[in-house]
């Protein structure tokens, strides 16, 4: 028997989701008002893993690791979902090879199923067509699957998820894991078969806009010790303000200013929660991240995270900060 073949985790902090899916590095910026909430159920099936999750509204920047490949099936609220700047349609499935980048945004709560596979064994496991983007490092595509094919895959995923929640010990049995693995592999082969799925057409400028967003976030991460503003981003990336605005609206349905504000707010929250060193002062952390109007900052923080910054600090350090 295998320990922890199935585990379900609940998250209230975006940064805690980052390490939850080995094979994918994801940065999350909440889009909702109030507490962030996410749940992830993982089924370990030998060399592959099935993840079924749900989350409150968020913007996400993800990158597949060098040794993995991912099939991702959006499950609900597709009408408001953007994947790499493309409006999602019923029947869409995302495929991502090692090194591929994924931008995801949904202003509504959403759920998904991700199948993570070893890239080196991908051809043997899934037998993708020769021209599949799954075989190209950094490659990605959105497939428009036939309704019946997608429905079969979704039934397998949802049945596995229901079984994992209701009978957790089921997949501790080797035969159960092998049976589910076989069902997922067969359904996945059908899903990426060109006879059952066509590659969705991407807007011409989609890749260029995605590069701008990814580069902007990378610049932010390299300069987390100080606030970054739109003008500096434009200079650093050598793009116009209009190009930057177009890129963020296409990828996340928000302006660069809104993204930067939410990103900085998330960085403040992470700093308040950090247990390294003595407890900081809320005022110092806010000012250090560019929030000079402290009354407005406190209002926006509570609206974004559902609590005052002093409450965040007190929970992390056991005493309030001012």
Protein backbone atom coordinates (compact mmCIF):
# COMPACT_ATOMS: atom_id res chain seq x y z
CA UNK A 1 0.00 0.00 0.00
CA UNK A 2 1.04 3.59 -0.65
CA UNK A 3 0.92 6.39 1.87
CA UNK A 4 -0.71 9.66 0.85
CA UNK A 5 -1.91 8.45 -2.55
CA UNK A 6 -4.68 11.02 -2.11
CA UNK A 7 -4.49 14.27 -0.22
CA UNK A 8 -6.76 17.30 -0.13
CA UNK A 9 -5.47 20.68 0.98
CA UNK A 10 -7.24 23.95 1.75
CA UNK A 11 -5.49 27.27 1.18
CA UNK A 12 -6.26 30.73 2.50
CA UNK A 13 -3.03 32.35 1.28
CA UNK A 14 -2.07 32.60 -2.41
CA UNK A 15 1.63 31.97 -1.76
CA UNK A 16 0.83 28.59 -0.17
CA UNK A 17 -0.53 27.34 -3.51
CA UNK A 18 2.85 27.82 -5.18
CA UNK A 19 4.35 24.50 -4.09
CA UNK A 20 1.10 22.52 -4.15
CA UNK A 21 1.46 21.13 -7.68
CA UNK A 22 4.97 19.75 -8.26
CA UNK A 23 5.78 20.31 -11.90
CA UNK A 24 4.15 23.76 -12.07
CA UNK A 25 5.38 27.01 -10.54
CA UNK A 26 2.51 29.47 -10.12
CA UNK A 27 2.25 33.02 -8.86
CA UNK A 28 -1.27 34.01 -7.78
CA UNK A 29 -2.73 37.49 -7.40
CA UNK A 30 -6.27 37.46 -5.92
CA UNK A 31 -8.93 39.25 -7.93
CA UNK A 32 -11.82 38.96 -5.51
CA UNK A 33 -12.93 40.98 -2.55
CA UNK A 34 -12.37 39.32 0.80
CA UNK A 35 -10.53 36.20 1.81
CA UNK A 36 -8.76 34.14 -0.83
CA UNK A 37 -9.78 30.48 -0.76
CA UNK A 38 -8.60 27.47 -2.74
CA UNK A 39 -8.85 23.70 -2.47
CA UNK A 40 -6.72 21.09 -4.22
CA UNK A 41 -7.16 17.32 -4.26
CA UNK A 42 -4.16 15.36 -5.55
CA UNK A 43 -4.20 11.74 -6.67
CA UNK A 44 -0.73 10.23 -7.07
CA UNK A 45 -0.87 7.50 -9.73
CA UNK A 46 2.72 6.36 -10.07
CA UNK A 47 4.44 8.45 -12.72
CA UNK A 48 1.46 10.75 -13.28
CA UNK A 49 -0.67 12.85 -10.93
CA UNK A 50 -4.21 14.15 -11.21
CA UNK A 51 -5.02 17.45 -9.49
CA UNK A 52 -8.58 18.71 -9.15
CA UNK A 53 -8.92 22.17 -7.67
CA UNK A 54 -11.10 25.20 -7.19
CA UNK A 55 -10.30 28.77 -6.24
CA UNK A 56 -11.82 32.16 -5.64
CA UNK A 57 -11.18 34.76 -8.39
CA UNK A 58 -7.50 35.23 -9.24
CA UNK A 59 -4.89 36.10 -11.83
CA UNK A 60 -2.20 33.47 -12.21
CA UNK A 61 1.19 33.31 -13.90
CA UNK A 62 2.42 29.74 -14.18
CA UNK A 63 5.36 27.95 -15.74
CA UNK A 64 5.70 24.21 -16.31
CA UNK A 65 8.93 22.75 -14.94
CA UNK A 66 11.65 21.36 -17.20
CA UNK A 67 10.70 17.74 -16.52
CA UNK A 68 6.90 17.92 -16.77
CA UNK A 69 4.00 18.37 -19.16
CA UNK A 70 0.43 19.34 -18.30
CA UNK A 71 -3.09 18.78 -19.63
CA UNK A 72 -5.53 21.19 -18.03
CA UNK A 73 -9.30 20.99 -18.24
CA UNK A 74 -11.28 24.05 -17.07
CA UNK A 75 -14.46 22.88 -15.35
CA UNK A 76 -16.75 25.84 -14.71
CA UNK A 77 -17.37 29.56 -15.29
CA UNK A 78 -15.76 29.20 -18.71
CA UNK A 79 -17.60 32.25 -20.02
CA UNK A 80 -15.34 34.56 -17.98
CA UNK A 81 -12.09 32.55 -18.13
CA UNK A 82 -9.01 33.75 -20.01
CA UNK A 83 -6.15 31.37 -20.85
CA UNK A 84 -3.03 33.02 -22.27
CA UNK A 85 -5.18 35.96 -23.30
CA UNK A 86 -7.75 33.84 -25.13
CA UNK A 87 -11.39 33.79 -24.08
CA UNK A 88 -12.25 30.24 -23.12
CA UNK A 89 -14.98 28.37 -24.97
CA UNK A 90 -16.87 25.19 -24.02
CA UNK A 91 -14.76 22.16 -24.92
CA UNK A 92 -11.39 23.89 -24.48
CA UNK A 93 -8.45 21.90 -23.11
CA UNK A 94 -5.01 23.39 -22.46
CA UNK A 95 -1.84 21.45 -23.25
CA UNK A 96 1.53 22.69 -21.97
CA UNK A 97 4.98 21.20 -22.55
CA UNK A 98 8.00 21.68 -20.27
CA UNK A 99 8.90 25.34 -19.92
CA UNK A 100 5.54 26.54 -21.22
CA UNK A 101 4.03 29.62 -19.62
CA UNK A 102 0.37 29.93 -18.71
CA UNK A 103 -1.51 33.12 -17.92
CA UNK A 104 -4.90 32.48 -16.35
CA UNK A 105 -7.54 34.90 -15.10
CA UNK A 106 -11.12 34.59 -13.98
CA UNK A 107 -13.13 37.20 -12.07
CA UNK A 108 -15.46 34.37 -11.01
CA UNK A 109 -14.72 31.36 -8.78
CA UNK A 110 -13.45 28.56 -10.97
CA UNK A 111 -12.33 24.96 -10.91
CA UNK A 112 -10.04 22.82 -13.02
CA UNK A 113 -8.43 19.42 -13.45
CA UNK A 114 -4.72 19.12 -14.27
CA UNK A 115 -2.94 15.97 -15.33
CA UNK A 116 0.82 16.29 -14.76
CA UNK A 117 3.09 13.86 -16.59
CA UNK A 118 6.87 13.34 -16.91
CA UNK A 119 8.02 15.03 -20.11
CA UNK A 120 10.60 12.35 -20.85
CA UNK A 121 7.88 9.65 -20.88
CA UNK A 122 5.21 11.72 -22.63
CA UNK A 123 5.46 10.00 -26.01
CA UNK A 124 5.20 6.56 -24.44
CA UNK A 125 2.29 7.45 -22.15
CA UNK A 126 0.06 9.60 -24.36
CA UNK A 127 1.30 8.86 -27.90
CA UNK A 128 0.64 12.44 -29.06
CA UNK A 129 0.63 13.23 -32.80
CA UNK A 130 4.03 14.15 -34.23
CA UNK A 131 3.20 17.84 -34.56
CA UNK A 132 1.67 18.17 -31.10
CA UNK A 133 2.80 21.22 -29.13
CA UNK A 134 3.19 18.85 -26.17
CA UNK A 135 6.37 17.50 -27.76
CA UNK A 136 8.02 20.94 -28.11
CA UNK A 137 9.71 22.41 -25.02
CA UNK A 138 7.93 25.65 -24.24
CA UNK A 139 5.04 24.70 -26.49
CA UNK A 140 1.41 25.18 -25.59
CA UNK A 141 -1.96 25.08 -27.31
CA UNK A 142 -5.64 25.25 -26.61
CA UNK A 143 -7.54 22.35 -28.12
CA UNK A 144 -11.20 22.50 -29.05
CA UNK A 145 -12.30 18.98 -28.21
CA UNK A 146 -15.38 17.25 -29.53
CA UNK A 147 -18.18 17.42 -26.93
CA UNK A 148 -18.37 13.63 -26.52
CA UNK A 149 -14.59 13.26 -26.11
CA UNK A 150 -14.35 16.06 -23.56
CA UNK A 151 -17.39 14.71 -21.70
CA UNK A 152 -15.76 11.29 -21.38
CA UNK A 153 -12.58 12.81 -19.96
CA UNK A 154 -14.57 15.00 -17.57
CA UNK A 155 -16.58 12.00 -16.34
CA UNK A 156 -13.38 10.13 -15.49
CA UNK A 157 -11.92 13.14 -13.68
CA UNK A 158 -15.05 13.96 -11.67
CA UNK A 159 -15.67 10.30 -10.77
CA UNK A 160 -12.07 10.02 -9.53
CA UNK A 161 -12.45 13.22 -7.52
CA UNK A 162 -15.69 12.05 -5.94
CA UNK A 163 -14.15 8.69 -5.05
CA UNK A 164 -11.05 10.38 -3.58
CA UNK A 165 -13.20 12.54 -1.31
CA UNK A 166 -15.68 9.88 -0.24
CA UNK A 167 -13.35 6.86 0.03
CA UNK A 168 -9.79 8.26 0.47
CA UNK A 169 -8.30 4.84 1.12
CA UNK A 170 -9.50 3.56 -2.26
CA UNK A 171 -6.41 4.75 -4.13
CA UNK A 172 -4.05 3.36 -1.53
CA UNK A 173 -4.75 0.05 -3.27
CA UNK A 174 -2.44 -0.55 -6.22
CA UNK A 175 -5.16 -2.03 -8.42
CA UNK A 176 -7.36 1.03 -7.93
CA UNK A 177 -4.50 3.36 -8.83
CA UNK A 178 -3.63 1.33 -11.92
CA UNK A 179 -7.25 1.26 -13.06
CA UNK A 180 -7.64 5.04 -12.68
CA UNK A 181 -4.30 5.66 -14.38
CA UNK A 182 -5.36 3.53 -17.35
CA UNK A 183 -8.72 5.30 -17.61
CA UNK A 184 -7.05 8.74 -17.52
CA UNK A 185 -4.40 7.81 -20.06
CA UNK A 186 -6.94 6.40 -22.50
CA UNK A 187 -9.24 9.42 -22.11
CA UNK A 188 -6.25 11.78 -22.51
CA UNK A 189 -5.12 10.07 -25.70
CA UNK A 190 -8.57 10.59 -27.17
CA UNK A 191 -8.59 14.18 -25.96
CA UNK A 192 -5.39 15.16 -27.83
CA UNK A 193 -6.08 13.01 -30.89
CA UNK A 194 -6.45 15.31 -33.94
CA UNK A 195 -9.44 13.23 -35.00
CA UNK A 196 -11.28 14.42 -31.88
CA UNK A 197 -9.76 17.85 -31.19
CA UNK A 198 -8.63 20.80 -33.29
CA UNK A 199 -6.15 23.44 -32.16
CA UNK A 200 -7.98 26.65 -31.34
CA UNK A 201 -6.85 29.70 -33.29
CA UNK A 202 -4.91 32.29 -31.32
CA UNK A 203 -5.06 36.03 -32.00
CA UNK A 204 -2.02 37.18 -34.01
CA UNK A 205 -0.65 39.39 -31.27
CA UNK A 206 -1.38 36.90 -28.46
CA UNK A 207 2.20 35.67 -28.08
CA UNK A 208 3.69 39.18 -28.13
CA UNK A 209 1.26 40.44 -25.49
CA UNK A 210 1.91 37.38 -23.33
CA UNK A 211 5.67 38.03 -23.48
CA UNK A 212 5.11 41.58 -22.21
CA UNK A 213 3.10 40.36 -19.20
CA UNK A 214 5.59 37.62 -18.34
CA UNK A 215 8.52 40.06 -18.65
CA UNK A 216 6.70 42.62 -16.49
CA UNK A 217 6.08 40.09 -13.73
CA UNK A 218 9.68 38.89 -13.89
CA UNK A 219 10.85 42.49 -13.50
CA UNK A 220 8.59 42.87 -10.47
CA UNK A 221 10.00 39.73 -8.89
CA UNK A 222 13.56 40.93 -9.43
CA UNK A 223 12.77 44.20 -7.66
CA UNK A 224 10.55 43.06 -4.81
CA UNK A 225 12.41 45.32 -2.40
CA UNK A 226 10.76 48.46 -3.78
CA UNK A 227 7.53 49.57 -5.49
CA UNK A 228 7.41 49.49 -9.29
CA UNK A 229 5.20 51.84 -11.28
CA UNK A 230 3.86 51.81 -14.84
CA UNK A 231 6.34 54.35 -16.24
CA UNK A 232 9.32 52.39 -14.96
CA UNK A 233 7.90 49.15 -16.39
CA UNK A 234 7.50 50.74 -19.81
CA UNK A 235 11.11 51.96 -19.75
CA UNK A 236 12.46 48.64 -18.48
CA UNK A 237 10.58 46.59 -21.09
CA UNK A 238 11.00 49.13 -23.90
CA UNK A 239 7.27 49.18 -24.64
CA UNK A 240 4.75 51.99 -24.88
CA UNK A 241 2.14 52.63 -22.22
CA UNK A 242 -0.58 51.59 -24.66
CA UNK A 243 1.17 48.28 -25.44
CA UNK A 244 1.56 47.56 -21.73
CA UNK A 245 -2.12 48.36 -21.15
CA UNK A 246 -3.21 46.18 -24.09
CA UNK A 247 -1.13 43.26 -22.78
CA UNK A 248 -2.57 43.32 -19.25
CA UNK A 249 -6.13 43.82 -20.41
CA UNK A 250 -5.78 40.92 -22.84
CA UNK A 251 -4.21 38.60 -20.27
CA UNK A 252 -6.01 39.54 -17.06
CA UNK A 253 -8.83 41.98 -17.91
CA UNK A 254 -7.21 44.63 -15.68
CA UNK A 255 -5.07 47.70 -16.26
CA UNK A 256 -1.33 47.62 -15.48
CA UNK A 257 -2.02 50.04 -12.62
CA UNK A 258 -4.59 47.67 -11.11
CA UNK A 259 -2.26 44.69 -11.50
CA UNK A 260 0.65 46.52 -9.89
CA UNK A 261 -1.51 47.66 -7.00
CA UNK A 262 -2.84 44.16 -6.33
CA UNK A 263 0.64 42.69 -6.70
CA UNK A 264 2.09 45.20 -4.23
CA UNK A 265 -0.81 44.56 -1.86
CA UNK A 266 -0.03 40.84 -1.97
CA UNK A 267 3.64 41.60 -1.29
CA UNK A 268 2.62 43.66 1.77
CA UNK A 269 0.56 40.74 3.02
CA UNK A 270 3.47 38.34 2.56
CA UNK A 271 5.78 40.72 4.45
CA UNK A 272 3.30 41.03 7.33
CA UNK A 273 3.03 37.25 7.53
CA UNK A 274 6.78 36.63 7.40
CA UNK A 275 8.15 35.20 10.63
CA UNK A 276 11.73 36.15 9.86
CA UNK A 277 13.01 38.64 12.40
CA UNK A 278 10.91 40.83 14.68
CA UNK A 279 7.35 41.79 13.83
CA UNK A 280 7.34 44.76 11.43
CA UNK A 281 5.20 47.86 11.72
CA UNK A 282 2.23 47.97 9.36
CA UNK A 283 3.02 51.60 8.56
CA UNK A 284 6.63 50.82 7.61
CA UNK A 285 5.66 47.90 5.38
CA UNK A 286 2.94 49.90 3.62
CA UNK A 287 5.23 52.87 2.98
CA UNK A 288 7.99 50.55 1.81
CA UNK A 289 5.69 49.19 -0.87
CA UNK A 290 4.58 52.57 -2.14
CA UNK A 291 1.31 53.04 -0.23
CA UNK A 292 1.72 56.61 0.99
CA UNK A 293 -1.98 57.25 1.79
CA UNK A 294 -2.26 55.03 4.84
CA UNK A 295 -6.00 55.49 5.35
CA UNK A 296 -6.72 54.49 1.75
CA UNK A 297 -4.25 51.61 2.04
CA UNK A 298 -6.03 50.24 5.13
CA UNK A 299 -9.40 50.49 3.35
CA UNK A 300 -8.12 48.80 0.18
CA UNK A 301 -6.34 46.09 2.16
CA UNK A 302 -9.49 45.18 4.08
CA UNK A 303 -11.52 45.22 0.87
CA UNK A 304 -9.00 42.96 -0.86
CA UNK A 305 -8.28 40.46 1.92
CA UNK A 306 -11.29 40.71 4.21
CA UNK A 307 -9.33 41.85 7.26
CA UNK A 308 -7.26 44.77 8.52
CA UNK A 309 -3.47 44.63 8.01
CA UNK A 310 -3.03 44.69 11.80
CA UNK A 311 -5.12 41.50 12.01
CA UNK A 312 -2.85 39.80 9.48
CA UNK A 313 0.18 40.83 11.50
CA UNK A 314 -1.34 39.74 14.80
CA UNK A 315 -2.20 36.29 13.49
CA UNK A 316 1.35 35.80 12.24
CA UNK A 317 3.20 37.22 15.24
CA UNK A 318 0.73 36.98 18.09
CA UNK A 319 0.43 40.70 18.72
CA UNK A 320 -0.92 43.71 16.82
CA UNK A 321 1.26 46.08 14.89
CA UNK A 322 0.64 49.75 14.26
